[in-house]
Amino acid sequence: MNSRAEFIRIYEQFHPKVFRLCKGFFNGNEDLAADYTQEIFIKIWEKKDSFKKDSNVGTWIYRISVNMCLMQIRKEAREKKKSYSTYFESVTETYDPEHEHRLKTMYECIHQLKEKDRLIILMVLEKVPYSQITEVIGISEESLRVTIHRIKKKLTSCAQHGKL
C-alpha cells in the first residue's frame, strides 16, 4: 500500500464496512462512527509502511478498527461519559417505525454483549469470512461457529425480553 491510488482503492472498498463496524461498537451513533472511521483511516495511512504484504489487508484493517474502537470505549468508560444515542436513522427512503424499532433493539442488544461477542457478531453481520474472523479473534473456526450460535441465541432472547 505504497501509492496514494492504492490507498484510495482500499479506502473505497473498506470505508462502508469500517463505518458499520464502528456504528455497532458505538451503539448506532452515526456521528461518533463517522468520526472514528475517519480516525481509523488516518491511522491506516500513517501505519501503511508497517503492513506486511504477506497478510490479508482486510484483516489488518479490521484489527486496527477494532483496536481503536475498543480504546475509545474504554476511555469513555474511564471518563464516565458513555454516549447513549436514541436516534437511529432508517436505512430506507421511507419512514418505517417498525423497522426503526427493530434496528434500535438490535443495536441495544449488541451493545449489551461482551466485547469479544460484539466484535464477532459485527463482523458476521458485515459478512467477513470466517477465516478472517478467526484470525482477528484468535480462535478456531469450530469454536467460532459455536460462539456465533450462542450469540444469536442471546440476541434473540434479548430482542424478545429486552435484556441478555
Protein backbone atom coordinates (compact mmCIF):
# COMPACT_ATOMS: atom_id res chain seq x y z
CA MET A 1 0.00 0.00 0.00
CA ASN A 2 2.70 2.41 -1.03
CA SER A 3 0.80 4.52 -3.51
CA ARG A 4 -1.92 7.05 -2.92
CA ALA A 5 -4.06 5.36 -5.61
CA GLU A 6 -3.81 2.02 -3.82
CA PHE A 7 -4.82 3.65 -0.51
CA ILE A 8 -7.82 5.31 -2.20
CA ARG A 9 -8.88 1.95 -3.63
CA ILE A 10 -8.63 0.33 -0.18
CA TYR A 11 -10.46 3.27 1.40
CA GLU A 12 -13.33 2.99 -1.07
CA GLN A 13 -13.53 -0.78 -0.56
CA PHE A 14 -13.40 -0.81 3.25
CA HIS A 15 -14.90 2.53 4.32
CA PRO A 16 -18.53 1.30 4.45
CA LYS A 17 -17.52 -1.83 6.37
CA VAL A 18 -15.40 0.08 8.88
CA PHE A 19 -18.21 2.62 9.35
CA ARG A 20 -20.77 -0.10 10.10
CA LEU A 21 -18.33 -1.83 12.45
CA CYS A 22 -17.81 1.44 14.32
CA LYS A 23 -21.55 2.10 14.35
CA GLY A 24 -22.05 -1.26 16.02
CA PHE A 25 -19.42 -0.53 18.65
CA PHE A 26 -20.88 2.90 19.36
CA ASN A 27 -24.47 1.72 19.80
CA GLY A 28 -25.67 3.09 16.47
CA ASN A 29 -24.27 6.60 16.98
CA GLU A 30 -23.57 7.60 13.37
CA ASP A 31 -21.71 10.81 14.23
CA LEU A 32 -19.27 9.01 16.50
CA ALA A 33 -18.95 6.17 13.98
CA ALA A 34 -18.16 8.65 11.20
CA ASP A 35 -15.54 10.40 13.36
CA TYR A 36 -13.82 7.14 14.27
CA THR A 37 -13.98 5.81 10.74
CA GLN A 38 -12.05 8.91 9.69
CA GLU A 39 -9.58 8.46 12.57
CA ILE A 40 -9.09 4.81 11.63
CA PHE A 41 -8.24 5.63 8.03
CA ILE A 42 -5.82 8.31 9.18
CA LYS A 43 -4.14 5.66 11.35
CA ILE A 44 -4.12 3.21 8.43
CA TRP A 45 -2.42 5.84 6.25
CA GLU A 46 0.13 6.60 8.98
CA LYS A 47 0.88 2.89 9.55
CA LYS A 48 0.77 1.80 5.89
CA ASP A 49 4.51 1.06 5.90
CA SER A 50 4.05 -1.44 8.76
CA PHE A 51 1.61 -3.55 6.72
CA LYS A 52 3.13 -6.92 5.89
CA LYS A 53 2.39 -7.71 2.27
CA ASP A 54 2.03 -11.43 3.04
CA SER A 55 -1.03 -10.88 5.26
CA ASN A 56 -4.59 -10.00 4.29
CA VAL A 57 -5.20 -6.24 4.11
CA GLY A 58 -8.81 -6.72 5.24
CA THR A 59 -7.74 -8.50 8.42
CA TRP A 60 -5.17 -5.77 9.11
CA ILE A 61 -7.80 -3.03 8.64
CA TYR A 62 -10.32 -4.84 10.88
CA ARG A 63 -7.69 -5.29 13.60
CA ILE A 64 -6.84 -1.57 13.56
CA SER A 65 -10.56 -0.70 13.53
CA VAL A 66 -11.39 -2.99 16.44
CA ASN A 67 -8.43 -1.81 18.50
CA MET A 68 -9.27 1.86 18.00
CA CYS A 69 -12.97 1.37 18.78
CA LEU A 70 -12.17 -0.62 21.92
CA MET A 71 -9.67 2.02 23.07
CA GLN A 72 -12.34 4.69 22.70
CA ILE A 73 -14.94 2.64 24.57
CA ARG A 74 -12.50 2.02 27.42
CA LYS A 75 -11.59 5.70 27.50
CA GLU A 76 -15.27 6.66 27.72
CA ALA A 77 -15.81 4.14 30.50
CA ARG A 78 -12.92 5.62 32.47
CA GLU A 79 -14.25 9.13 31.97
CA LYS A 80 -17.84 8.05 32.72
CA LYS A 81 -19.00 9.76 29.54
CA LYS A 82 -20.71 6.93 27.72
CA SER A 83 -22.70 8.00 24.74
CA TYR A 84 -26.19 6.51 24.52
CA SER A 85 -27.74 7.61 21.30
CA THR A 86 -31.52 7.28 20.99
CA TYR A 87 -31.69 8.39 17.39
CA PHE A 88 -31.47 5.74 14.71
CA GLU A 89 -31.87 6.60 11.07
CA SER A 90 -33.94 4.31 8.89
CA VAL A 91 -31.92 2.69 6.12
CA THR A 92 -34.83 3.02 3.72
CA GLU A 93 -36.10 6.11 1.95
CA THR A 94 -39.50 5.95 3.64
CA TYR A 95 -40.10 6.19 7.35
CA ASP A 96 -40.86 2.80 8.85
CA PRO A 97 -41.31 2.97 12.63
CA GLU A 98 -41.36 -0.82 13.00
CA HIS A 99 -38.05 -1.15 11.12
CA GLU A 100 -36.57 1.67 13.19
CA HIS A 101 -37.72 -0.02 16.41
CA ARG A 102 -36.16 -3.37 15.37
CA LEU A 103 -32.93 -1.62 14.39
CA LYS A 104 -32.78 0.22 17.71
CA THR A 105 -33.47 -3.01 19.60
CA MET A 106 -30.74 -4.81 17.66
CA TYR A 107 -28.14 -2.14 18.47
CA GLU A 108 -29.16 -2.09 22.13
CA CYS A 109 -28.84 -5.88 22.34
CA ILE A 110 -25.48 -5.91 20.53
CA HIS A 111 -24.28 -3.18 22.90
CA GLN A 112 -25.07 -5.46 25.89
CA LEU A 113 -22.79 -8.22 24.59
CA LYS A 114 -19.27 -8.72 25.91
CA GLU A 115 -16.60 -7.06 23.76
CA LYS A 116 -15.45 -10.27 22.07
CA ASP A 117 -19.02 -11.38 21.25
CA ARG A 118 -19.87 -7.89 19.98
CA LEU A 119 -16.85 -7.92 17.70
CA ILE A 120 -17.71 -11.37 16.37
CA ILE A 121 -21.36 -10.60 15.59
CA LEU A 122 -20.50 -7.25 13.99
CA MET A 123 -18.00 -8.97 11.71
CA VAL A 124 -20.54 -11.70 10.89
CA LEU A 125 -23.11 -9.03 10.01
CA GLU A 126 -20.51 -7.49 7.71
CA LYS A 127 -20.12 -10.88 6.03
CA VAL A 128 -16.43 -11.05 6.92
CA PRO A 129 -15.21 -14.55 6.02
CA TYR A 130 -14.90 -16.88 9.00
CA SER A 131 -11.22 -17.39 8.19
CA GLN A 132 -10.58 -13.67 8.73
CA ILE A 133 -12.69 -13.54 11.89
CA THR A 134 -10.76 -16.46 13.40
CA GLU A 135 -7.50 -14.70 12.55
CA VAL A 136 -8.61 -11.45 14.22
CA ILE A 137 -10.16 -13.14 17.28
CA GLY A 138 -7.61 -15.93 17.64
CA ILE A 139 -9.95 -18.94 17.88
CA SER A 140 -10.59 -21.99 15.71
CA GLU A 141 -13.32 -21.99 13.09
CA GLU A 142 -15.22 -24.67 15.02
CA SER A 143 -15.15 -22.52 18.18
CA LEU A 144 -16.27 -19.55 16.11
CA ARG A 145 -19.31 -21.42 14.78
CA VAL A 146 -20.34 -22.47 18.30
CA THR A 147 -19.80 -18.92 19.58
CA ILE A 148 -21.88 -17.42 16.76
CA HIS A 149 -24.71 -19.84 17.52
CA ARG A 150 -24.64 -18.83 21.21
CA ILE A 151 -24.52 -15.13 20.35
CA LYS A 152 -27.53 -15.48 18.05
CA LYS A 153 -29.47 -17.22 20.84
CA LYS A 154 -28.55 -14.39 23.24
CA LEU A 155 -29.60 -11.72 20.74
CA THR A 156 -32.90 -13.48 20.01
CA SER A 157 -33.63 -13.68 23.72
CA CYS A 158 -32.64 -10.04 24.19
CA ALA A 159 -34.87 -8.90 21.34
CA GLN A 160 -37.81 -10.72 22.92
CA HIS A 161 -37.17 -9.75 26.56
CA GLY A 162 -35.18 -6.51 26.31
CA LYS A 163 -32.05 -7.76 28.07
CA LEU A 164 -29.43 -10.50 27.80
